[in-house]
Amino acid sequence: MGRIDKIKIGGIYFDIVRKENLVHPVDNRRLDGHILYGESKIYLDDAMSPQAEMQTVWHEVVHGILTQAGMDAKENLIDCIAYGIIMVLVDNPQLADVKPK
């Protein structure tokens, strides 16, 4: 996955913003990524490797999908789903080649 600057989740476009030393806005713990729905932004720590960034983007996308569906999940389940999506797409790249007719 190349570096992307915008992603659409459901009907909402989210800007992807890379920040140095990303921390949680409430409790100041270090984060790799964070989605802010009111701002329509996904923040990523800019020091991550491309593979770590890919997993973090998928992690935040899963959060966005579940939130839009009115659901919530624990962080370890979100990570499991994000890693699973990456593994399936890497092993089956034809699944990412979906074009509308």
PDB file of N, CA and C in Angstrom:
ATOM      1  N   MET A   1       0.845  -1.167   0.000  1.00  0.00           N
ATOM      2  CA  MET A   1       0.000   0.000   0.000  1.00  0.00           C
ATOM      3  C   MET A   1       0.888   1.227   0.000  1.00  0.00           C
ATOM      4  N   GLY A   2       0.657   2.114  -0.953  1.00  0.00           N
ATOM      5  CA  GLY A   2       1.387   3.366  -0.948  1.00  0.00           C
ATOM      6  C   GLY A   2       0.809   4.296   0.100  1.00  0.00           C
ATOM      7  N   ARG A   3       1.509   5.363   0.356  1.00  0.00           N
ATOM      8  CA  ARG A   3       0.990   6.336   1.331  1.00  0.00           C
ATOM      9  C   ARG A   3      -0.236   7.017   0.745  1.00  0.00           C
ATOM     10  N   ILE A   4      -1.303   6.992   1.488  1.00  0.00           N
ATOM     11  CA  ILE A   4      -2.531   7.635   1.039  1.00  0.00           C
ATOM     12  C   ILE A   4      -2.826   8.827   1.938  1.00  0.00           C
ATOM     13  N   ASP A   5      -3.559   9.784   1.379  1.00  0.00           N
ATOM     14  CA  ASP A   5      -3.859  11.005   2.113  1.00  0.00           C
ATOM     15  C   ASP A   5      -5.336  11.174   2.419  1.00  0.00           C
ATOM     16  N   LYS A   6      -6.172  10.295   1.851  1.00  0.00           N
ATOM     17  CA  LYS A   6      -7.620  10.388   2.054  1.00  0.00           C
ATOM     18  C   LYS A   6      -8.194   9.002   1.860  1.00  0.00           C
ATOM     19  N   ILE A   7      -9.221   8.680   2.657  1.00  0.00           N
ATOM     20  CA  ILE A   7      -9.887   7.388   2.526  1.00  0.00           C
ATOM     21  C   ILE A   7     -11.366   7.586   2.797  1.00  0.00           C
ATOM     22  N   LYS A   8     -12.201   6.873   2.060  1.00  0.00           N
ATOM     23  CA  LYS A   8     -13.646   6.963   2.241  1.00  0.00           C
ATOM     24  C   LYS A   8     -14.109   5.749   3.029  1.00  0.00           C
ATOM     25  N   ILE A   9     -14.807   5.987   4.123  1.00  0.00           N
ATOM     26  CA  ILE A   9     -15.385   4.926   4.933  1.00  0.00           C
ATOM     27  C   ILE A   9     -16.885   5.193   4.959  1.00  0.00           C
ATOM     28  N   GLY A  10     -17.660   4.280   4.363  1.00  0.00           N
ATOM     29  CA  GLY A  10     -19.091   4.551   4.210  1.00  0.00           C
ATOM     30  C   GLY A  10     -19.254   5.779   3.347  1.00  0.00           C
ATOM     31  N   GLY A  11     -20.001   6.740   3.806  1.00  0.00           N
ATOM     32  CA  GLY A  11     -20.215   7.961   3.031  1.00  0.00           C
ATOM     33  C   GLY A  11     -19.322   9.114   3.421  1.00  0.00           C
ATOM     34  N   ILE A  12     -18.336   8.873   4.281  1.00  0.00           N
ATOM     35  CA  ILE A  12     -17.510   9.954   4.814  1.00  0.00           C
ATOM     36  C   ILE A  12     -16.076   9.834   4.312  1.00  0.00           C
ATOM     37  N   TYR A  13     -15.532  10.943   3.820  1.00  0.00           N
ATOM     38  CA  TYR A  13     -14.118  11.003   3.465  1.00  0.00           C
ATOM     39  C   TYR A  13     -13.327  11.454   4.686  1.00  0.00           C
ATOM     40  N   PHE A  14     -12.274  10.710   4.989  1.00  0.00           N
ATOM     41  CA  PHE A  14     -11.386  11.037   6.092  1.00  0.00           C
ATOM     42  C   PHE A  14     -10.025  11.440   5.537  1.00  0.00           C
ATOM     43  N   ASP A  15      -9.530  12.594   5.957  1.00  0.00           N
ATOM     44  CA  ASP A  15      -8.157  12.979   5.627  1.00  0.00           C
ATOM     45  C   ASP A  15      -7.224  12.171   6.517  1.00  0.00           C
ATOM     46  N   ILE A  16      -6.110  11.729   5.949  1.00  0.00           N
ATOM     47  CA  ILE A  16      -5.096  11.030   6.729  1.00  0.00           C
ATOM     48  C   ILE A  16      -3.985  12.026   7.012  1.00  0.00           C
ATOM     49  N   VAL A  17      -3.756  12.253   8.301  1.00  0.00           N
ATOM     50  CA  VAL A  17      -2.796  13.249   8.753  1.00  0.00           C
ATOM     51  C   VAL A  17      -1.703  12.534   9.535  1.00  0.00           C
ATOM     52  N   ARG A  18      -0.471  12.741   9.125  1.00  0.00           N
ATOM     53  CA  ARG A  18       0.666  12.139   9.838  1.00  0.00           C
ATOM     54  C   ARG A  18       1.246  13.172  10.791  1.00  0.00           C
ATOM     55  N   LYS A  19       1.428  12.741  12.051  1.00  0.00           N
ATOM     56  CA  LYS A  19       1.938  13.647  13.078  1.00  0.00           C
ATOM     57  C   LYS A  19       3.130  13.016  13.775  1.00  0.00           C
ATOM     58  N   GLU A  20       4.052  13.855  14.165  1.00  0.00           N
ATOM     59  CA  GLU A  20       5.197  13.411  14.943  1.00  0.00           C
ATOM     60  C   GLU A  20       4.748  13.203  16.394  1.00  0.00           C
ATOM     61  N   ASN A  21       5.158  12.074  16.970  1.00  0.00           N
ATOM     62  CA  ASN A  21       4.849  11.777  18.378  1.00  0.00           C
ATOM     63  C   ASN A  21       3.355  11.878  18.684  1.00  0.00           C
ATOM     64  N   LEU A  22       2.556  11.116  17.966  1.00  0.00           N
ATOM     65  CA  LEU A  22       1.107  11.127  18.139  1.00  0.00           C
ATOM     66  C   LEU A  22       0.724  10.611  19.524  1.00  0.00           C
ATOM     67  N   VAL A  23      -0.122  11.362  20.200  1.00  0.00           N
ATOM     68  CA  VAL A  23      -0.620  10.950  21.520  1.00  0.00           C
ATOM     69  C   VAL A  23      -2.143  11.094  21.547  1.00  0.00           C
ATOM     70  N   HIS A  24      -2.772  10.338  22.436  1.00  0.00           N
ATOM     71  CA  HIS A  24      -4.221  10.394  22.609  1.00  0.00           C
ATOM     72  C   HIS A  24      -4.603  11.790  23.103  1.00  0.00           C
ATOM     73  N   PRO A  25      -5.654  12.385  22.535  1.00  0.00           N
ATOM     74  CA  PRO A  25      -6.010  13.758  22.913  1.00  0.00           C
ATOM     75  C   PRO A  25      -6.512  13.910  24.349  1.00  0.00           C
ATOM     76  N   VAL A  26      -6.931  12.824  24.983  1.00  0.00           N
ATOM     77  CA  VAL A  26      -7.465  12.931  26.337  1.00  0.00           C
ATOM     78  C   VAL A  26      -6.434  12.538  27.393  1.00  0.00           C
ATOM     79  N   ASP A  27      -5.787  11.371  27.216  1.00  0.00           N
ATOM     80  CA  ASP A  27      -4.918  10.884  28.298  1.00  0.00           C
ATOM     81  C   ASP A  27      -3.422  10.898  27.956  1.00  0.00           C
ATOM     82  N   ASN A  28      -3.065  11.451  26.807  1.00  0.00           N
ATOM     83  CA  ASN A  28      -1.672  11.639  26.394  1.00  0.00           C
ATOM     84  C   ASN A  28      -0.849  10.361  26.258  1.00  0.00           C
ATOM     85  N   ARG A  29      -1.510   9.194  26.125  1.00  0.00           N
ATOM     86  CA  ARG A  29      -0.707   7.985  25.875  1.00  0.00           C
ATOM     87  C   ARG A  29      -0.340   7.940  24.402  1.00  0.00           C
ATOM     88  N   ARG A  30       0.820   7.343  24.127  1.00  0.00           N
ATOM     89  CA  ARG A  30       1.335   7.270  22.761  1.00  0.00           C
ATOM     90  C   ARG A  30       0.446   6.391  21.899  1.00  0.00           C
ATOM     91  N   LEU A  31       0.202   6.833  20.660  1.00  0.00           N
ATOM     92  CA  LEU A  31      -0.636   6.093  19.722  1.00  0.00           C
ATOM     93  C   LEU A  31       0.063   5.916  18.386  1.00  0.00           C
ATOM     94  N   ASP A  32      -0.270   4.831  17.685  1.00  0.00           N
ATOM     95  CA  ASP A  32       0.131   4.685  16.285  1.00  0.00           C
ATOM     96  C   ASP A  32      -0.883   5.371  15.380  1.00  0.00           C
ATOM     97  N   GLY A  33      -2.162   5.339  15.784  1.00  0.00           N
ATOM     98  CA  GLY A  33      -3.203   5.963  14.985  1.00  0.00           C
ATOM     99  C   GLY A  33      -4.406   6.310  15.838  1.00  0.00           C
ATOM    100  N   HIS A  34      -5.254   7.197  15.291  1.00  0.00           N
ATOM    101  CA  HIS A  34      -6.441   7.628  16.022  1.00  0.00           C
ATOM    102  C   HIS A  34      -7.420   8.216  15.016  1.00  0.00           C
ATOM    103  N   ILE A  35      -8.677   7.794  15.078  1.00  0.00           N
ATOM    104  CA  ILE A  35      -9.697   8.340  14.185  1.00  0.00           C
ATOM    105  C   ILE A  35     -10.546   9.333  14.968  1.00  0.00           C
ATOM    106  N   LEU A  36     -10.757  10.498  14.391  1.00  0.00           N
ATOM    107  CA  LEU A  36     -11.616  11.515  14.997  1.00  0.00           C
ATOM    108  C   LEU A  36     -12.764  11.777  14.030  1.00  0.00           C
ATOM    109  N   TYR A  37     -13.943  11.318  14.414  1.00  0.00           N
ATOM    110  CA  TYR A  37     -15.106  11.366  13.528  1.00  0.00           C
ATOM    111  C   TYR A  37     -15.579  12.789  13.275  1.00  0.00           C
ATOM    112  N   GLY A  38     -15.606  13.619  14.296  1.00  0.00           N
ATOM    113  CA  GLY A  38     -16.071  14.999  14.134  1.00  0.00           C
ATOM    114  C   GLY A  38     -15.191  15.825  13.214  1.00  0.00           C
ATOM    115  N   GLU A  39     -13.921  15.485  13.144  1.00  0.00           N
ATOM    116  CA  GLU A  39     -12.981  16.174  12.258  1.00  0.00           C
ATOM    117  C   GLU A  39     -12.856  15.479  10.907  1.00  0.00           C
ATOM    118  N   SER A  40     -13.405  14.266  10.797  1.00  0.00           N
ATOM    119  CA  SER A  40     -13.232  13.425   9.596  1.00  0.00           C
ATOM    120  C   SER A  40     -11.746  13.271   9.272  1.00  0.00           C
ATOM    121  N   LYS A  41     -10.982  12.889  10.311  1.00  0.00           N
ATOM    122  CA  LYS A  41      -9.542  12.712  10.135  1.00  0.00           C
ATOM    123  C   LYS A  41      -9.075  11.433  10.813  1.00  0.00           C
ATOM    124  N   ILE A  42      -8.083  10.829  10.192  1.00  0.00           N
ATOM    125  CA  ILE A  42      -7.363   9.715  10.791  1.00  0.00           C
ATOM    126  C   ILE A  42      -5.937  10.198  10.978  1.00  0.00           C
ATOM    127  N   TYR A  43      -5.502  10.218  12.224  1.00  0.00           N
ATOM    128  CA  TYR A  43      -4.146  10.636  12.537  1.00  0.00           C
ATOM    129  C   TYR A  43      -3.250   9.411  12.643  1.00  0.00           C
ATOM    130  N   LEU A  44      -2.067   9.488  12.058  1.00  0.00           N
ATOM    131  CA  LEU A  44      -1.073   8.422  12.119  1.00  0.00           C
ATOM    132  C   LEU A  44       0.242   8.983  12.639  1.00  0.00           C
ATOM    133  N   ASP A  45       0.945   8.199  13.443  1.00  0.00           N
ATOM    134  CA  ASP A  45       2.286   8.596  13.860  1.00  0.00           C
ATOM    135  C   ASP A  45       3.189   8.479  12.634  1.00  0.00           C
ATOM    136  N   ASP A  46       3.934   9.518  12.332  1.00  0.00           N
ATOM    137  CA  ASP A  46       4.716   9.535  11.088  1.00  0.00           C
ATOM    138  C   ASP A  46       6.003   8.716  11.143  1.00  0.00           C
ATOM    139  N   ALA A  47       6.326   8.115  12.280  1.00  0.00           N
ATOM    140  CA  ALA A  47       7.568   7.350  12.396  1.00  0.00           C
ATOM    141  C   ALA A  47       7.389   5.862  12.086  1.00  0.00           C
ATOM    142  N   MET A  48       6.186   5.452  11.714  1.00  0.00           N
ATOM    143  CA  MET A  48       5.939   4.021  11.471  1.00  0.00           C
ATOM    144  C   MET A  48       6.506   3.551  10.136  1.00  0.00           C
ATOM    145  N   SER A  49       6.849   2.272  10.085  1.00  0.00           N
ATOM    146  CA  SER A  49       7.250   1.646   8.823  1.00  0.00           C
ATOM    147  C   SER A  49       6.024   1.533   7.921  1.00  0.00           C
ATOM    148  N   PRO A  50       6.210   1.332   6.612  1.00  0.00           N
ATOM    149  CA  PRO A  50       5.057   1.172   5.719  1.00  0.00           C
ATOM    150  C   PRO A  50       4.122   0.031   6.143  1.00  0.00           C
ATOM    151  N   GLN A  51       4.684  -1.086   6.614  1.00  0.00           N
ATOM    152  CA  GLN A  51       3.835  -2.199   7.050  1.00  0.00           C
ATOM    153  C   GLN A  51       3.030  -1.833   8.288  1.00  0.00           C
ATOM    154  N   ALA A  52       3.662  -1.168   9.235  1.00  0.00           N
ATOM    155  CA  ALA A  52       2.953  -0.750  10.446  1.00  0.00           C
ATOM    156  C   ALA A  52       1.880   0.273  10.099  1.00  0.00           C
ATOM    157  N   GLU A  53       2.181   1.163   9.169  1.00  0.00           N
ATOM    158  CA  GLU A  53       1.187   2.151   8.754  1.00  0.00           C
ATOM    159  C   GLU A  53      -0.006   1.471   8.107  1.00  0.00           C
ATOM    160  N   MET A  54       0.229   0.463   7.269  1.00  0.00           N
ATOM    161  CA  MET A  54      -0.855  -0.258   6.619  1.00  0.00           C
ATOM    162  C   MET A  54      -1.776  -0.885   7.665  1.00  0.00           C
ATOM    163  N   GLN A  55      -1.192  -1.533   8.659  1.00  0.00           N
ATOM    164  CA  GLN A  55      -1.996  -2.170   9.690  1.00  0.00           C
ATOM    165  C   GLN A  55      -2.769  -1.124  10.482  1.00  0.00           C
ATOM    166  N   THR A  56      -2.151  -0.005  10.757  1.00  0.00           N
ATOM    167  CA  THR A  56      -2.804   1.043  11.537  1.00  0.00           C
ATOM    168  C   THR A  56      -3.951   1.668  10.755  1.00  0.00           C
ATOM    169  N   VAL A  57      -3.768   1.894   9.457  1.00  0.00           N
ATOM    170  CA  VAL A  57      -4.859   2.421   8.641  1.00  0.00           C
ATOM    171  C   VAL A  57      -6.039   1.450   8.676  1.00  0.00           C
ATOM    172  N   TRP A  58      -5.769   0.160   8.469  1.00  0.00           N
ATOM    173  CA  TRP A  58      -6.854  -0.824   8.517  1.00  0.00           C
ATOM    174  C   TRP A  58      -7.503  -0.857   9.897  1.00  0.00           C
ATOM    175  N   HIS A  59      -6.719  -0.735  10.945  1.00  0.00           N
ATOM    176  CA  HIS A  59      -7.256  -0.707  12.308  1.00  0.00           C
ATOM    177  C   HIS A  59      -8.268   0.432  12.441  1.00  0.00           C
ATOM    178  N   GLU A  60      -7.883   1.617  11.978  1.00  0.00           N
ATOM    179  CA  GLU A  60      -8.770   2.773  12.088  1.00  0.00           C
ATOM    180  C   GLU A  60      -9.972   2.644  11.159  1.00  0.00           C
ATOM    181  N   VAL A  61      -9.800   2.039   9.989  1.00  0.00           N
ATOM    182  CA  VAL A  61     -10.922   1.793   9.080  1.00  0.00           C
ATOM    183  C   VAL A  61     -11.945   0.871   9.743  1.00  0.00           C
ATOM    184  N   VAL A  62     -11.483  -0.182  10.386  1.00  0.00           N
ATOM    185  CA  VAL A  62     -12.403  -1.094  11.076  1.00  0.00           C
ATOM    186  C   VAL A  62     -13.156  -0.340  12.167  1.00  0.00           C
ATOM    187  N   HIS A  63     -12.457   0.512  12.928  1.00  0.00           N
ATOM    188  CA  HIS A  63     -13.155   1.352  13.903  1.00  0.00           C
ATOM    189  C   HIS A  63     -14.253   2.163  13.216  1.00  0.00           C
ATOM    190  N   GLY A  64     -13.926   2.789  12.087  1.00  0.00           N
ATOM    191  CA  GLY A  64     -14.887   3.619  11.367  1.00  0.00           C
ATOM    192  C   GLY A  64     -16.088   2.830  10.882  1.00  0.00           C
ATOM    193  N   ILE A  65     -15.856   1.646  10.341  1.00  0.00           N
ATOM    194  CA  ILE A  65     -16.956   0.800   9.856  1.00  0.00           C
ATOM    195  C   ILE A  65     -17.882   0.422  11.011  1.00  0.00           C
ATOM    196  N   LEU A  66     -17.291  -0.025  12.107  1.00  0.00           N
ATOM    197  CA  LEU A  66     -18.107  -0.446  13.249  1.00  0.00           C
ATOM    198  C   LEU A  66     -18.867   0.734  13.863  1.00  0.00           C
ATOM    199  N   THR A  67     -18.233   1.871  13.950  1.00  0.00           N
ATOM    200  CA  THR A  67     -18.898   3.043  14.519  1.00  0.00           C
ATOM    201  C   THR A  67     -20.080   3.466  13.661  1.00  0.00           C
ATOM    202  N   GLN A  68     -19.902   3.454  12.330  1.00  0.00           N
ATOM    203  CA  GLN A  68     -21.005   3.816  11.450  1.00  0.00           C
ATOM    204  C   GLN A  68     -22.150   2.819  11.545  1.00  0.00           C
ATOM    205  N   ALA A  69     -21.842   1.580  11.937  1.00  0.00           N
ATOM    206  CA  ALA A  69     -22.872   0.554  12.107  1.00  0.00           C
ATOM    207  C   ALA A  69     -23.479   0.582  13.511  1.00  0.00           C
ATOM    208  N   GLY A  70     -23.021   1.510  14.344  1.00  0.00           N
ATOM    209  CA  GLY A  70     -23.526   1.614  15.701  1.00  0.00           C
ATOM    210  C   GLY A  70     -22.969   0.560  16.635  1.00  0.00           C
ATOM    211  N   MET A  71     -21.803   0.032  16.289  1.00  0.00           N
ATOM    212  CA  MET A  71     -21.186  -1.030  17.086  1.00  0.00           C
ATOM    213  C   MET A  71     -19.851  -0.551  17.646  1.00  0.00           C
ATOM    214  N   ASP A  72     -19.366  -1.266  18.636  1.00  0.00           N
ATOM    215  CA  ASP A  72     -18.071  -0.982  19.221  1.00  0.00           C
ATOM    216  C   ASP A  72     -17.387  -2.314  19.481  1.00  0.00           C
ATOM    217  N   ALA A  73     -16.085  -2.319  19.510  1.00  0.00           N
ATOM    218  CA  ALA A  73     -15.338  -3.547  19.775  1.00  0.00           C
ATOM    219  C   ALA A  73     -14.071  -3.199  20.534  1.00  0.00           C
ATOM    220  N   LYS A  74     -13.554  -4.187  21.239  1.00  0.00           N
ATOM    221  CA  LYS A  74     -12.312  -3.997  21.983  1.00  0.00           C
ATOM    222  C   LYS A  74     -11.140  -3.896  21.009  1.00  0.00           C
ATOM    223  N   GLU A  75     -10.097  -3.217  21.459  1.00  0.00           N
ATOM    224  CA  GLU A  75      -8.925  -2.969  20.615  1.00  0.00           C
ATOM    225  C   GLU A  75      -8.293  -4.259  20.086  1.00  0.00           C
ATOM    226  N   ASN A  76      -8.246  -5.315  20.904  1.00  0.00           N
ATOM    227  CA  ASN A  76      -7.614  -6.547  20.426  1.00  0.00           C
ATOM    228  C   ASN A  76      -8.428  -7.192  19.310  1.00  0.00           C
ATOM    229  N   LEU A  77      -9.759  -7.065  19.329  1.00  0.00           N
ATOM    230  CA  LEU A  77     -10.581  -7.579  18.233  1.00  0.00           C
ATOM    231  C   LEU A  77     -10.369  -6.743  16.977  1.00  0.00           C
ATOM    232  N   ILE A  78     -10.292  -5.430  17.139  1.00  0.00           N
ATOM    233  CA  ILE A  78     -10.031  -4.539  15.995  1.00  0.00           C
ATOM    234  C   ILE A  78      -8.694  -4.901  15.357  1.00  0.00           C
ATOM    235  N   ASP A  79      -7.654  -5.115  16.166  1.00  0.00           N
ATOM    236  CA  ASP A  79      -6.342  -5.509  15.638  1.00  0.00           C
ATOM    237  C   ASP A  79      -6.430  -6.840  14.907  1.00  0.00           C
ATOM    238  N   CYS A  80      -7.134  -7.801  15.473  1.00  0.00           N
ATOM    239  CA  CYS A  80      -7.279  -9.112  14.848  1.00  0.00           C
ATOM    240  C   CYS A  80      -7.917  -8.986  13.467  1.00  0.00           C
ATOM    241  N   ILE A  81      -8.974  -8.194  13.366  1.00  0.00           N
ATOM    242  CA  ILE A  81      -9.649  -7.999  12.086  1.00  0.00           C
ATOM    243  C   ILE A  81      -8.732  -7.286  11.101  1.00  0.00           C
ATOM    244  N   ALA A  82      -8.039  -6.241  11.544  1.00  0.00           N
ATOM    245  CA  ALA A  82      -7.140  -5.490  10.654  1.00  0.00           C
ATOM    246  C   ALA A  82      -6.026  -6.382  10.119  1.00  0.00           C
ATOM    247  N   TYR A  83      -5.370  -7.140  10.994  1.00  0.00           N
ATOM    248  CA  TYR A  83      -4.318  -8.060  10.534  1.00  0.00           C
ATOM    249  C   TYR A  83      -4.897  -9.104   9.596  1.00  0.00           C
ATOM    250  N   GLY A  84      -6.089  -9.601   9.889  1.00  0.00           N
ATOM    251  CA  GLY A  84      -6.720 -10.599   9.030  1.00  0.00           C
ATOM    252  C   GLY A  84      -6.995 -10.063   7.638  1.00  0.00           C
ATOM    253  N   ILE A  85      -7.492  -8.829   7.547  1.00  0.00           N
ATOM    254  CA  ILE A  85      -7.749  -8.214   6.239  1.00  0.00           C
ATOM    255  C   ILE A  85      -6.455  -8.109   5.447  1.00  0.00           C
ATOM    256  N   ILE A  86      -5.399  -7.645   6.106  1.00  0.00           N
ATOM    257  CA  ILE A  86      -4.109  -7.501   5.416  1.00  0.00           C
ATOM    258  C   ILE A  86      -3.623  -8.850   4.906  1.00  0.00           C
ATOM    259  N   MET A  87      -3.688  -9.885   5.741  1.00  0.00           N
ATOM    260  CA  MET A  87      -3.215 -11.211   5.322  1.00  0.00           C
ATOM    261  C   MET A  87      -3.992 -11.714   4.118  1.00  0.00           C
ATOM    262  N   VAL A  88      -5.317 -11.571   4.145  1.00  0.00           N
ATOM    263  CA  VAL A  88      -6.139 -12.051   3.035  1.00  0.00           C
ATOM    264  C   VAL A  88      -5.828 -11.262   1.761  1.00  0.00           C
ATOM    265  N   LEU A  89      -5.698  -9.942   1.862  1.00  0.00           N
ATOM    266  CA  LEU A  89      -5.414  -9.141   0.670  1.00  0.00           C
ATOM    267  C   LEU A  89      -4.028  -9.418   0.101  1.00  0.00           C
ATOM    268  N   VAL A  90      -3.039  -9.632   0.967  1.00  0.00           N
ATOM    269  CA  VAL A  90      -1.693  -9.951   0.485  1.00  0.00           C
ATOM    270  C   VAL A  90      -1.684 -11.319  -0.200  1.00  0.00           C
ATOM    271  N   ASP A  91      -2.365 -12.280   0.406  1.00  0.00           N
ATOM    272  CA  ASP A  91      -2.389 -13.637  -0.155  1.00  0.00           C
ATOM    273  C   ASP A  91      -3.310 -13.768  -1.361  1.00  0.00           C
ATOM    274  N   ASN A  92      -4.253 -12.850  -1.509  1.00  0.00           N
ATOM    275  CA  ASN A  92      -5.245 -12.914  -2.594  1.00  0.00           C
ATOM    276  C   ASN A  92      -5.435 -11.526  -3.203  1.00  0.00           C
ATOM    277  N   PRO A  93      -4.412 -10.989  -3.876  1.00  0.00           N
ATOM    278  CA  PRO A  93      -4.493  -9.607  -4.355  1.00  0.00           C
ATOM    279  C   PRO A  93      -5.651  -9.366  -5.326  1.00  0.00           C
ATOM    280  N   GLN A  94      -6.161 -10.416  -5.942  1.00  0.00           N
ATOM    281  CA  GLN A  94      -7.283 -10.249  -6.858  1.00  0.00           C
ATOM    282  C   GLN A  94      -8.524  -9.722  -6.134  1.00  0.00           C
ATOM    283  N   LEU A  95      -8.607  -9.909  -4.822  1.00  0.00           N
ATOM    284  CA  LEU A  95      -9.740  -9.398  -4.068  1.00  0.00           C
ATOM    285  C   LEU A  95      -9.745  -7.872  -4.010  1.00  0.00           C
ATOM    286  N   ALA A  96      -8.596  -7.262  -4.164  1.00  0.00           N
ATOM    287  CA  ALA A  96      -8.507  -5.796  -4.138  1.00  0.00           C
ATOM    288  C   ALA A  96      -8.784  -5.188  -5.499  1.00  0.00           C
ATOM    289  N   ASP A  97      -8.928  -6.023  -6.520  1.00  0.00           N
ATOM    290  CA  ASP A  97      -9.133  -5.542  -7.887  1.00  0.00           C
ATOM    291  C   ASP A  97     -10.635  -5.526  -8.202  1.00  0.00           C
ATOM    292  N   VAL A  98     -11.356  -4.714  -7.455  1.00  0.00           N
ATOM    293  CA  VAL A  98     -12.807  -4.620  -7.620  1.00  0.00           C
ATOM    294  C   VAL A  98     -13.105  -3.290  -8.286  1.00  0.00           C
ATOM    295  N   LYS A  99     -13.700  -3.378  -9.467  1.00  0.00           N
ATOM    296  CA  LYS A  99     -14.055  -2.178 -10.213  1.00  0.00           C
ATOM    297  C   LYS A  99     -15.545  -2.208 -10.515  1.00  0.00           C
ATOM    298  N   PRO A 100     -16.231  -1.084 -10.344  1.00  0.00           N
ATOM    299  CA  PRO A 100     -17.660  -1.060 -10.678  1.00  0.00           C
ATOM    300  C   PRO A 100     -17.860  -1.254 -12.159  1.00  0.00           C
ATOM    301  N   LYS A 101     -18.961  -1.891 -12.508  1.00  0.00           N
ATOM    302  CA  LYS A 101     -19.278  -2.119 -13.941  1.00  0.00           C
ATOM    303  C   LYS A 101     -20.051  -0.968 -14.508  1.00  0.00           C
TER     304      LYS A 101
END
